[in-house]
Protein backbone atom coordinates (compact mmCIF):
# COMPACT_ATOMS: atom_id res chain seq x y z
CA MET A 1 -160.00 178.10 -39.22
CA ALA A 2 -159.58 178.46 -43.02
CA ASN A 3 -159.01 174.68 -43.46
CA LYS A 4 -162.12 173.99 -41.42
CA GLN A 5 -164.16 176.30 -43.62
CA ILE A 6 -162.80 174.64 -46.80
CA PHE A 7 -163.65 171.22 -45.38
CA GLY A 8 -167.16 172.44 -44.58
CA ASN A 9 -167.70 173.77 -48.10
CA ILE A 10 -166.44 170.54 -49.68
CA SER A 11 -168.61 168.41 -47.39
CA ALA A 12 -171.66 170.55 -48.12
CA GLY A 13 -170.94 170.27 -51.86
CA ILE A 14 -170.72 166.48 -51.68
CA ILE A 15 -174.01 166.25 -49.81
CA GLY A 16 -175.76 168.66 -52.17
CA GLY A 17 -174.40 166.96 -55.28
CA GLY A 18 -175.27 163.53 -53.93
CA LEU A 19 -178.86 164.51 -53.22
CA PHE A 20 -179.18 166.10 -56.65
CA LEU A 21 -178.03 162.89 -58.41
CA PHE A 22 -180.13 160.71 -56.12
CA PHE A 23 -183.33 162.59 -56.86
CA LEU A 24 -182.55 162.92 -60.54
CA LEU A 25 -181.29 159.41 -61.34
CA PHE A 26 -182.68 157.07 -58.73
CA LEU A 27 -186.03 158.73 -57.98
CA ASP A 28 -186.39 159.77 -61.62
CA LEU A 29 -187.54 163.29 -60.75
CA SER A 30 -187.24 166.23 -63.10
CA ILE A 31 -184.31 168.64 -63.01
CA VAL A 32 -186.06 171.39 -60.99
CA PRO A 33 -186.99 169.40 -57.87
CA SER A 34 -183.61 167.67 -58.04
CA ILE A 35 -181.86 171.04 -58.00
CA ILE A 36 -184.03 172.15 -55.07
CA ALA A 37 -183.15 168.98 -53.17
CA GLY A 38 -179.46 169.47 -53.94
CA ALA A 39 -179.57 173.08 -52.80
CA ALA A 40 -181.30 172.07 -49.57
CA GLY A 41 -178.66 169.41 -49.03
CA TYR A 42 -175.87 171.91 -49.59
CA ALA A 43 -177.42 174.38 -47.15
CA GLY A 44 -177.85 171.67 -44.53
CA GLY A 45 -174.28 170.51 -45.02
CA ALA A 46 -172.93 174.05 -44.79
CA LEU A 47 -174.83 174.54 -41.54
CA ALA A 48 -173.63 171.25 -40.11
CA PHE A 49 -169.97 171.47 -41.10
CA GLY A 50 -169.21 175.14 -41.58
CA GLY A 51 -172.05 177.12 -40.06
CA LYS A 52 -170.96 177.28 -36.49
CA LYS A 53 -171.87 180.66 -35.06
CA LYS A 54 -169.11 182.96 -34.01
CA GLU A 55 -168.56 182.71 -30.28
CA LEU A 56 -169.36 185.84 -28.31
CA GLU A 57 -166.32 187.71 -27.12
CA PHE A 58 -166.97 188.68 -23.52
CA ILE A 59 -164.62 191.41 -22.33
CA ALA A 60 -166.33 191.67 -18.94
CA GLU A 61 -169.07 189.84 -17.08
CA GLY A 62 -172.16 189.98 -19.32
CA VAL A 63 -170.55 192.52 -21.67
CA THR A 64 -169.36 191.70 -25.18
CA GLN A 65 -167.14 193.94 -27.29
CA GLU A 66 -170.08 194.40 -29.65
CA LYS A 67 -172.33 195.54 -26.81
CA LEU A 68 -169.71 197.94 -25.48
CA ASP A 69 -169.13 199.40 -28.94
CA GLU A 70 -172.88 199.99 -29.33
CA ILE A 71 -173.12 201.63 -25.88
CA LEU A 72 -170.22 203.96 -26.67
CA LYS A 73 -171.67 204.75 -30.09
CA GLN A 74 -175.05 205.64 -28.59
CA GLY A 75 -173.25 207.61 -25.88
CA ASN A 76 -171.44 209.73 -28.46
CA LEU A 77 -174.73 210.42 -30.24
CA LYS A 78 -176.42 211.47 -26.99
CA VAL A 79 -173.54 213.74 -26.05
CA LYS A 80 -173.86 215.34 -29.49
CA VAL A 81 -177.57 215.94 -28.86
CA LEU A 82 -176.75 217.62 -25.54
CA LYS A 83 -174.15 219.84 -27.23
CA ASP A 84 -176.62 220.76 -29.97
CA LEU A 85 -179.20 221.73 -27.34
CA GLU A 86 -176.59 223.76 -25.48
CA ALA A 87 -175.88 225.68 -28.68
CA LYS A 88 -179.57 226.35 -29.35
CA ILE A 89 -180.55 227.53 -25.86
CA THR A 90 -179.91 231.24 -25.31
CA ASN A 91 -180.12 231.31 -21.50
CA LYS A 92 -176.46 231.52 -20.44
CA VAL A 93 -177.15 230.14 -16.96
CA VAL A 94 -178.80 227.08 -18.46
CA THR A 95 -176.09 226.53 -21.08
CA GLN A 96 -173.39 226.63 -18.39
CA LYS A 97 -175.29 223.98 -16.44
CA ILE A 98 -175.66 221.84 -19.57
CA GLU A 99 -171.93 222.19 -20.22
CA GLY A 100 -171.20 220.91 -16.71
CA ILE A 101 -173.52 217.93 -17.26
CA ILE A 102 -171.83 217.12 -20.57
CA GLU A 103 -168.40 217.08 -18.90
CA VAL A 104 -169.59 214.52 -16.35
CA VAL A 105 -171.35 212.41 -19.01
CA GLU A 106 -168.19 212.28 -21.13
CA LYS A 107 -166.19 211.15 -18.09
CA ILE A 108 -168.71 208.38 -17.42
CA PHE A 109 -168.45 207.03 -20.97
CA ASP A 110 -164.67 207.34 -20.80
CA ASP A 111 -164.76 205.16 -17.67
CA LEU A 112 -166.97 202.58 -19.40
CA LYS A 113 -164.50 202.44 -22.28
CA LYS A 114 -161.60 201.80 -19.91
CA ASP A 115 -163.51 199.44 -17.59
CA PRO A 116 -166.38 197.68 -19.46
CA LYS A 117 -167.60 195.83 -16.37
CA ASP A 118 -168.89 199.18 -15.08
CA VAL A 119 -171.63 198.94 -17.72
CA LYS A 120 -173.68 196.89 -15.28
CA THR A 121 -173.31 199.49 -12.53
CA ALA A 122 -174.21 202.32 -14.92
CA ARG A 123 -177.23 200.52 -16.38
CA GLN A 124 -179.86 202.92 -14.96
CA PHE A 125 -177.84 205.91 -16.14
CA LEU A 126 -177.57 204.45 -19.64
CA ILE A 127 -181.18 203.40 -20.15
CA TYR A 128 -183.09 206.11 -18.27
CA TYR A 129 -181.41 209.13 -16.67
CA LEU A 130 -179.49 210.35 -19.72
CA ASP A 131 -182.45 209.98 -22.07
CA ALA A 132 -184.76 211.67 -19.56
CA THR A 133 -182.34 214.60 -19.31
CA ILE A 134 -182.30 214.99 -23.09
CA ASN A 135 -186.12 214.87 -23.25
CA ILE A 136 -186.44 217.56 -20.58
CA LEU A 137 -183.96 219.86 -22.32
CA GLU A 138 -185.66 219.35 -25.69
CA ARG A 139 -189.00 220.39 -24.18
CA TYR A 140 -187.34 223.32 -22.43
CA HIS A 141 -185.93 224.53 -25.73
CA SER A 142 -189.28 223.97 -27.47
CA ILE A 143 -191.13 226.07 -24.88
CA CYS A 144 -188.51 228.82 -24.98
CA SER A 145 -188.75 228.94 -28.77
CA THR A 146 -192.45 229.91 -28.63
CA ASN A 147 -191.54 233.30 -27.09
CA ILE A 148 -194.77 233.11 -25.12
CA SER A 149 -194.71 234.18 -21.49
CA SER A 150 -197.02 233.25 -18.65
CA ILE A 151 -196.76 232.50 -14.94
CA GLU A 152 -197.12 228.76 -15.59
CA ILE A 153 -194.47 228.75 -18.32
CA LYS A 154 -192.00 230.73 -16.21
CA LYS A 155 -192.54 228.39 -13.28
CA SER A 156 -191.96 225.35 -15.50
CA LEU A 157 -188.77 226.80 -16.98
CA ASP A 158 -187.49 227.73 -13.52
CA ASN A 159 -188.12 224.16 -12.38
CA VAL A 160 -186.00 222.85 -15.25
CA GLU A 161 -183.18 225.24 -14.40
CA SER A 162 -183.20 224.05 -10.79
CA LEU A 163 -183.45 220.41 -11.88
CA LEU A 164 -180.26 220.71 -13.95
CA ASP A 165 -178.25 221.15 -10.74
CA THR A 166 -179.83 218.00 -9.34
CA ILE A 167 -179.08 216.11 -12.56
CA LYS A 168 -175.43 217.13 -12.49
CA ASP A 169 -175.11 216.09 -8.83
CA GLY A 170 -176.73 212.74 -9.64
CA PHE A 171 -174.42 212.11 -12.58
CA GLU A 172 -171.38 213.03 -10.46
CA LYS A 173 -172.48 210.50 -7.84
CA GLN A 174 -172.79 207.90 -10.59
CA LEU A 175 -169.26 208.69 -11.75
CA ILE A 176 -167.91 208.47 -8.20
CA LYS A 177 -169.62 205.09 -7.80
CA LEU A 178 -167.91 203.81 -10.94
CA LEU A 179 -164.53 205.13 -9.78
CA ASN A 180 -165.04 203.55 -6.35
CA ASP A 181 -165.57 200.20 -8.09
CA ASP A 182 -162.24 200.73 -9.83
CA ILE A 183 -160.59 201.49 -6.48
CA LEU A 184 -162.00 198.29 -4.99
CA ASP A 185 -160.62 196.33 -7.95
CA LEU A 186 -157.21 197.95 -7.43
CA ASP A 187 -157.26 197.16 -3.72
CA THR A 188 -158.14 193.54 -4.50
CA GLU A 189 -155.27 193.24 -6.99
CA ILE A 190 -152.85 194.79 -4.48
CA LYS A 191 -153.88 192.33 -1.76
CA LEU A 192 -153.63 189.39 -4.16
CA LEU A 193 -150.16 190.44 -5.30
CA ASP A 194 -149.06 190.97 -1.72
CA GLN A 195 -150.32 187.52 -0.67
CA THR A 196 -148.66 185.86 -3.68
CA MET A 197 -145.32 187.50 -2.95
CA LYS A 198 -145.53 186.41 0.69
CA SER A 199 -146.40 182.83 -0.25
CA GLU A 200 -143.41 182.64 -2.60
CA GLY A 201 -141.05 184.18 -0.07
CA LEU A 202 -140.52 187.35 -2.04
CA LYS A 203 -141.63 189.56 0.80
């Protein structure tokens, strides 16, 4: 890889230098446009000989290491937001429910880290459900912070408290779905190993 890069730099230098001399000596142009031409030649040569883009490293179908790292990074930030909200909210019943949701969320991201292909299965969770949960809790905290009471406000807050149970159940089902995918993969590997051993007379 290093030799290829050196070759690319040398080739680009030859092209750039050649164009510079050609424009300066043979076309009798001034130094400035000749330098510009040489620089353009060098850039073109570097692109042609040494500018090949780094190939994407796919660690699962449709998932690169870079994409997984970004998902996990964003996941950690969102978990932190949930924990911050849990600390700010004074209703103990609500904070216990948030704590239960956080535990499930952390398990989901732990599964994605161990099995990146599950990113596709968890797509809706990653791009909608988790963010929606955070938005609801932020509004809940904002309303509670006003210290204003009314029938409508109490009804809205009660709805959020009930919804948290639904959210946790939904996240648990998502986690179970991811784990079931892992079980299917394990079953497939077991069958494949069993068939291979039989075909080679080892069983």
